[in-house]
PDB file of N, CA and C in Angstrom:
ATOM      1  N   MET A   1     113.380 144.536  98.622  1.00  0.00           N
ATOM      2  CA  MET A   1     114.513 143.674  98.361  1.00  0.00           C
ATOM      3  C   MET A   1     115.531 143.667  99.497  1.00  0.00           C
ATOM      4  N   SER A   2     115.509 144.690 100.345  1.00  0.00           N
ATOM      5  CA  SER A   2     116.515 144.764 101.400  1.00  0.00           C
ATOM      6  C   SER A   2     116.363 143.655 102.431  1.00  0.00           C
ATOM      7  N   ASP A   3     115.220 142.979 102.433  1.00  0.00           N
ATOM      8  CA  ASP A   3     115.010 141.890 103.383  1.00  0.00           C
ATOM      9  C   ASP A   3     115.472 140.548 102.841  1.00  0.00           C
ATOM     10  N   GLN A   4     116.084 140.526 101.667  1.00  0.00           N
ATOM     11  CA  GLN A   4     116.481 139.268 101.052  1.00  0.00           C
ATOM     12  C   GLN A   4     117.658 138.614 101.774  1.00  0.00           C
ATOM     13  N   TRP A   5     118.581 139.401 102.306  1.00  0.00           N
ATOM     14  CA  TRP A   5     119.784 138.859 102.924  1.00  0.00           C
ATOM     15  C   TRP A   5     119.975 139.376 104.347  1.00  0.00           C
ATOM     16  N   SER A   6     120.559 138.544 105.173  1.00  0.00           N
ATOM     17  CA  SER A   6     121.081 138.959 106.475  1.00  0.00           C
ATOM     18  C   SER A   6     122.595 138.869 106.377  1.00  0.00           C
ATOM     19  N   TYR A   7     123.286 139.741 107.080  1.00  0.00           N
ATOM     20  CA  TYR A   7     124.746 139.783 107.015  1.00  0.00           C
ATOM     21  C   TYR A   7     125.345 139.617 108.400  1.00  0.00           C
ATOM     22  N   LYS A   8     126.543 139.061 108.431  1.00  0.00           N
ATOM     23  CA  LYS A   8     127.253 138.833 109.693  1.00  0.00           C
ATOM     24  C   LYS A   8     128.737 139.099 109.442  1.00  0.00           C
ATOM     25  N   VAL A   9     129.390 139.703 110.425  1.00  0.00           N
ATOM     26  CA  VAL A   9     130.844 139.885 110.377  1.00  0.00           C
ATOM     27  C   VAL A   9     131.435 139.053 111.507  1.00  0.00           C
ATOM     28  N   LEU A  10     132.281 138.125 111.135  1.00  0.00           N
ATOM     29  CA  LEU A  10     132.970 137.259 112.089  1.00  0.00           C
ATOM     30  C   LEU A  10     134.387 137.798 112.258  1.00  0.00           C
ATOM     31  N   GLU A  11     134.785 138.077 113.501  1.00  0.00           N
ATOM     32  CA  GLU A  11     136.153 138.521 113.777  1.00  0.00           C
ATOM     33  C   GLU A  11     136.865 137.433 114.559  1.00  0.00           C
ATOM     34  N   LEU A  12     137.976 136.985 114.029  1.00  0.00           N
ATOM     35  CA  LEU A  12     138.782 135.983 114.703  1.00  0.00           C
ATOM     36  C   LEU A  12     140.082 136.663 115.120  1.00  0.00           C
ATOM     37  N   LYS A  13     140.210 136.895 116.429  1.00  0.00           N
ATOM     38  CA  LYS A  13     141.377 137.600 116.943  1.00  0.00           C
ATOM     39  C   LYS A  13     142.553 136.637 117.074  1.00  0.00           C
ATOM     40  N   PRO A  14     143.749 137.105 116.707  1.00  0.00           N
ATOM     41  CA  PRO A  14     144.925 136.240 116.828  1.00  0.00           C
ATOM     42  C   PRO A  14     145.271 135.995 118.286  1.00  0.00           C
ATOM     43  N   LYS A  15     145.737 134.806 118.565  1.00  0.00           N
ATOM     44  CA  LYS A  15     146.223 134.464 119.904  1.00  0.00           C
ATOM     45  C   LYS A  15     147.715 134.224 119.788  1.00  0.00           C
ATOM     46  N   LEU A  16     148.462 134.887 120.646  1.00  0.00           N
ATOM     47  CA  LEU A  16     149.906 134.700 120.594  1.00  0.00           C
ATOM     48  C   LEU A  16     150.286 133.290 121.016  1.00  0.00           C
ATOM     49  N   LEU A  17     149.532 132.724 121.937  1.00  0.00           N
ATOM     50  CA  LEU A  17     149.733 131.339 122.348  1.00  0.00           C
ATOM     51  C   LEU A  17     148.407 130.625 122.178  1.00  0.00           C
ATOM     52  N   GLY A  18     148.440 129.457 121.643  1.00  0.00           N
ATOM     53  CA  GLY A  18     147.183 128.727 121.490  1.00  0.00           C
ATOM     54  C   GLY A  18     147.106 128.014 120.171  1.00  0.00           C
ATOM     55  N   GLY A  19     145.903 127.559 119.859  1.00  0.00           N
ATOM     56  CA  GLY A  19     145.673 126.743 118.679  1.00  0.00           C
ATOM     57  C   GLY A  19     145.865 127.496 117.377  1.00  0.00           C
ATOM     58  N   SER A  20     145.907 126.734 116.325  1.00  0.00           N
ATOM     59  CA  SER A  20     146.090 127.269 114.985  1.00  0.00           C
ATOM     60  C   SER A  20     144.916 128.152 114.580  1.00  0.00           C
ATOM     61  N   VAL A  21     145.212 129.299 114.017  1.00  0.00           N
ATOM     62  CA  VAL A  21     144.165 130.187 113.528  1.00  0.00           C
ATOM     63  C   VAL A  21     143.388 129.496 112.411  1.00  0.00           C
ATOM     64  N   THR A  22     144.088 128.741 111.569  1.00  0.00           N
ATOM     65  CA  THR A  22     143.445 128.040 110.463  1.00  0.00           C
ATOM     66  C   THR A  22     142.403 127.060 110.974  1.00  0.00           C
ATOM     67  N   VAL A  23     142.743 126.289 111.990  1.00  0.00           N
ATOM     68  CA  VAL A  23     141.818 125.301 112.541  1.00  0.00           C
ATOM     69  C   VAL A  23     140.621 125.997 113.178  1.00  0.00           C
ATOM     70  N   ARG A  24     140.866 127.045 113.951  1.00  0.00           N
ATOM     71  CA  ARG A  24     139.762 127.774 114.598  1.00  0.00           C
ATOM     72  C   ARG A  24     138.840 128.404 113.569  1.00  0.00           C
ATOM     73  N   LEU A  25     139.417 128.989 112.527  1.00  0.00           N
ATOM     74  CA  LEU A  25     138.621 129.625 111.485  1.00  0.00           C
ATOM     75  C   LEU A  25     137.793 128.589 110.731  1.00  0.00           C
ATOM     76  N   GLU A  26     138.404 127.480 110.384  1.00  0.00           N
ATOM     77  CA  GLU A  26     137.691 126.415 109.675  1.00  0.00           C
ATOM     78  C   GLU A  26     136.524 125.880 110.508  1.00  0.00           C
ATOM     79  N   GLU A  27     136.749 125.670 111.784  1.00  0.00           N
ATOM     80  CA  GLU A  27     135.689 125.172 112.663  1.00  0.00           C
ATOM     81  C   GLU A  27     134.519 126.152 112.733  1.00  0.00           C
ATOM     82  N   GLU A  28     134.833 127.430 112.880  1.00  0.00           N
ATOM     83  CA  GLU A  28     133.777 128.439 112.991  1.00  0.00           C
ATOM     84  C   GLU A  28     133.019 128.596 111.672  1.00  0.00           C
ATOM     85  N   LEU A  29     133.733 128.595 110.547  1.00  0.00           N
ATOM     86  CA  LEU A  29     133.059 128.709 109.253  1.00  0.00           C
ATOM     87  C   LEU A  29     132.184 127.491 108.973  1.00  0.00           C
ATOM     88  N   ASN A  30     132.652 126.296 109.341  1.00  0.00           N
ATOM     89  CA  ASN A  30     131.833 125.093 109.173  1.00  0.00           C
ATOM     90  C   ASN A  30     130.573 125.162 110.039  1.00  0.00           C
ATOM     91  N   ARG A  31     130.718 125.646 111.262  1.00  0.00           N
ATOM     92  CA  ARG A  31     129.568 125.767 112.163  1.00  0.00           C
ATOM     93  C   ARG A  31     128.536 126.735 111.585  1.00  0.00           C
ATOM     94  N   LEU A  32     129.005 127.889 111.116  1.00  0.00           N
ATOM     95  CA  LEU A  32     128.094 128.880 110.542  1.00  0.00           C
ATOM     96  C   LEU A  32     127.498 128.398 109.222  1.00  0.00           C
ATOM     97  N   GLY A  33     128.281 127.660 108.436  1.00  0.00           N
ATOM     98  CA  GLY A  33     127.773 127.113 107.179  1.00  0.00           C
ATOM     99  C   GLY A  33     126.593 126.178 107.407  1.00  0.00           C
ATOM    100  N   LYS A  34     126.657 125.390 108.477  1.00  0.00           N
ATOM    101  CA  LYS A  34     125.550 124.489 108.809  1.00  0.00           C
ATOM    102  C   LYS A  34     124.291 125.258 109.192  1.00  0.00           C
ATOM    103  N   LEU A  35     124.465 126.512 109.607  1.00  0.00           N
ATOM    104  CA  LEU A  35     123.328 127.364 109.967  1.00  0.00           C
ATOM    105  C   LEU A  35     122.826 128.189 108.774  1.00  0.00           C
ATOM    106  N   GLY A  36     123.431 127.964 107.604  1.00  0.00           N
ATOM    107  CA  GLY A  36     122.979 128.641 106.393  1.00  0.00           C
ATOM    108  C   GLY A  36     123.786 129.857 105.980  1.00  0.00           C
ATOM    109  N   TRP A  37     124.854 130.178 106.716  1.00  0.00           N
ATOM    110  CA  TRP A  37     125.672 131.339 106.379  1.00  0.00           C
ATOM    111  C   TRP A  37     126.658 130.979 105.275  1.00  0.00           C
ATOM    112  N   GLU A  38     126.879 131.913 104.351  1.00  0.00           N
ATOM    113  CA  GLU A  38     127.790 131.734 103.229  1.00  0.00           C
ATOM    114  C   GLU A  38     128.887 132.796 103.306  1.00  0.00           C
ATOM    115  N   LEU A  39     130.134 132.356 103.204  1.00  0.00           N
ATOM    116  CA  LEU A  39     131.271 133.284 103.240  1.00  0.00           C
ATOM    117  C   LEU A  39     131.311 134.082 101.941  1.00  0.00           C
ATOM    118  N   VAL A  40     131.411 135.421 102.089  1.00  0.00           N
ATOM    119  CA  VAL A  40     131.432 136.306 100.929  1.00  0.00           C
ATOM    120  C   VAL A  40     132.822 136.893 100.713  1.00  0.00           C
ATOM    121  N   SER A  41     133.485 137.295 101.808  1.00  0.00           N
ATOM    122  CA  SER A  41     134.775 137.970 101.690  1.00  0.00           C
ATOM    123  C   SER A  41     135.544 137.855 103.000  1.00  0.00           C
ATOM    124  N   VAL A  42     136.873 138.010 102.897  1.00  0.00           N
ATOM    125  CA  VAL A  42     137.750 137.969 104.075  1.00  0.00           C
ATOM    126  C   VAL A  42     138.759 139.106 103.958  1.00  0.00           C
ATOM    127  N   THR A  43     139.017 139.781 105.093  1.00  0.00           N
ATOM    128  CA  THR A  43     140.085 140.785 105.123  1.00  0.00           C
ATOM    129  C   THR A  43     141.013 140.491 106.294  1.00  0.00           C
ATOM    130  N   HIS A  44     142.270 140.778 106.068  1.00  0.00           N
ATOM    131  CA  HIS A  44     143.276 140.623 107.124  1.00  0.00           C
ATOM    132  C   HIS A  44     144.417 141.576 106.797  1.00  0.00           C
ATOM    133  N   MET A  45     144.483 142.681 107.528  1.00  0.00           N
ATOM    134  CA  MET A  45     145.425 143.749 107.197  1.00  0.00           C
ATOM    135  C   MET A  45     146.810 143.570 107.818  1.00  0.00           C
ATOM    136  N   HIS A  46     146.843 143.041 109.034  1.00  0.00           N
ATOM    137  CA  HIS A  46     148.098 142.959 109.771  1.00  0.00           C
ATOM    138  C   HIS A  46     148.016 141.761 110.694  1.00  0.00           C
ATOM    139  N   PHE A  47     149.141 141.118 110.970  1.00  0.00           N
ATOM    140  CA  PHE A  47     149.103 139.878 111.757  1.00  0.00           C
ATOM    141  C   PHE A  47     148.578 140.073 113.175  1.00  0.00           C
ATOM    142  N   LEU A  48     148.591 141.288 113.700  1.00  0.00           N
ATOM    143  CA  LEU A  48     148.041 141.539 115.030  1.00  0.00           C
ATOM    144  C   LEU A  48     146.564 141.939 114.992  1.00  0.00           C
ATOM    145  N   GLU A  49     146.044 142.189 113.812  1.00  0.00           N
ATOM    146  CA  GLU A  49     144.639 142.550 113.641  1.00  0.00           C
ATOM    147  C   GLU A  49     143.804 141.290 113.474  1.00  0.00           C
ATOM    148  N   PRO A  50     142.516 141.366 113.841  1.00  0.00           N
ATOM    149  CA  PRO A  50     141.658 140.190 113.648  1.00  0.00           C
ATOM    150  C   PRO A  50     141.406 139.909 112.166  1.00  0.00           C
ATOM    151  N   ILE A  51     141.158 138.656 111.873  1.00  0.00           N
ATOM    152  CA  ILE A  51     140.689 138.269 110.546  1.00  0.00           C
ATOM    153  C   ILE A  51     139.193 138.568 110.533  1.00  0.00           C
ATOM    154  N   ARG A  52     138.741 139.293 109.534  1.00  0.00           N
ATOM    155  CA  ARG A  52     137.316 139.630 109.429  1.00  0.00           C
ATOM    156  C   ARG A  52     136.716 138.869 108.263  1.00  0.00           C
ATOM    157  N   CYS A  53     135.696 138.089 108.565  1.00  0.00           N
ATOM    158  CA  CYS A  53     134.989 137.306 107.557  1.00  0.00           C
ATOM    159  C   CYS A  53     133.584 137.878 107.417  1.00  0.00           C
ATOM    160  N   PHE A  54     133.191 138.146 106.186  1.00  0.00           N
ATOM    161  CA  PHE A  54     131.874 138.701 105.897  1.00  0.00           C
ATOM    162  C   PHE A  54     131.009 137.583 105.324  1.00  0.00           C
ATOM    163  N   LEU A  55     129.878 137.353 105.968  1.00  0.00           N
ATOM    164  CA  LEU A  55     128.994 136.265 105.577  1.00  0.00           C
ATOM    165  C   LEU A  55     127.598 136.792 105.301  1.00  0.00           C
ATOM    166  N   LYS A  56     126.832 136.022 104.522  1.00  0.00           N
ATOM    167  CA  LYS A  56     125.447 136.370 104.266  1.00  0.00           C
ATOM    168  C   LYS A  56     124.621 135.109 104.258  1.00  0.00           C
ATOM    169  N   LYS A  57     123.327 135.271 104.525  1.00  0.00           N
ATOM    170  CA  LYS A  57     122.389 134.168 104.348  1.00  0.00           C
ATOM    171  C   LYS A  57     121.059 134.738 103.919  1.00  0.00           C
ATOM    172  N   GLU A  58     120.352 133.928 103.173  1.00  0.00           N
ATOM    173  CA  GLU A  58     119.059 134.356 102.665  1.00  0.00           C
ATOM    174  C   GLU A  58     118.026 134.306 103.779  1.00  0.00           C
ATOM    175  N   ASN A  59     117.183 135.306 103.810  1.00  0.00           N
ATOM    176  CA  ASN A  59     116.099 135.347 104.810  1.00  0.00           C
ATOM    177  C   ASN A  59     114.973 134.416 104.415  1.00  0.00           C
TER     178      ASN A  59
END
């Protein structure tokens, strides 16, 4: 059963200058979604820490 899923951790680092984090995150999640990845969970502890997105897809 361990071969049923593949997992990926996406880290989106904050940029002090630059585009919206929301737009960048949405673009990356849409790109990965087209490749079959499904968002499972998101963590964000501090505004200077990266946003971590946990994704899975069926093998």
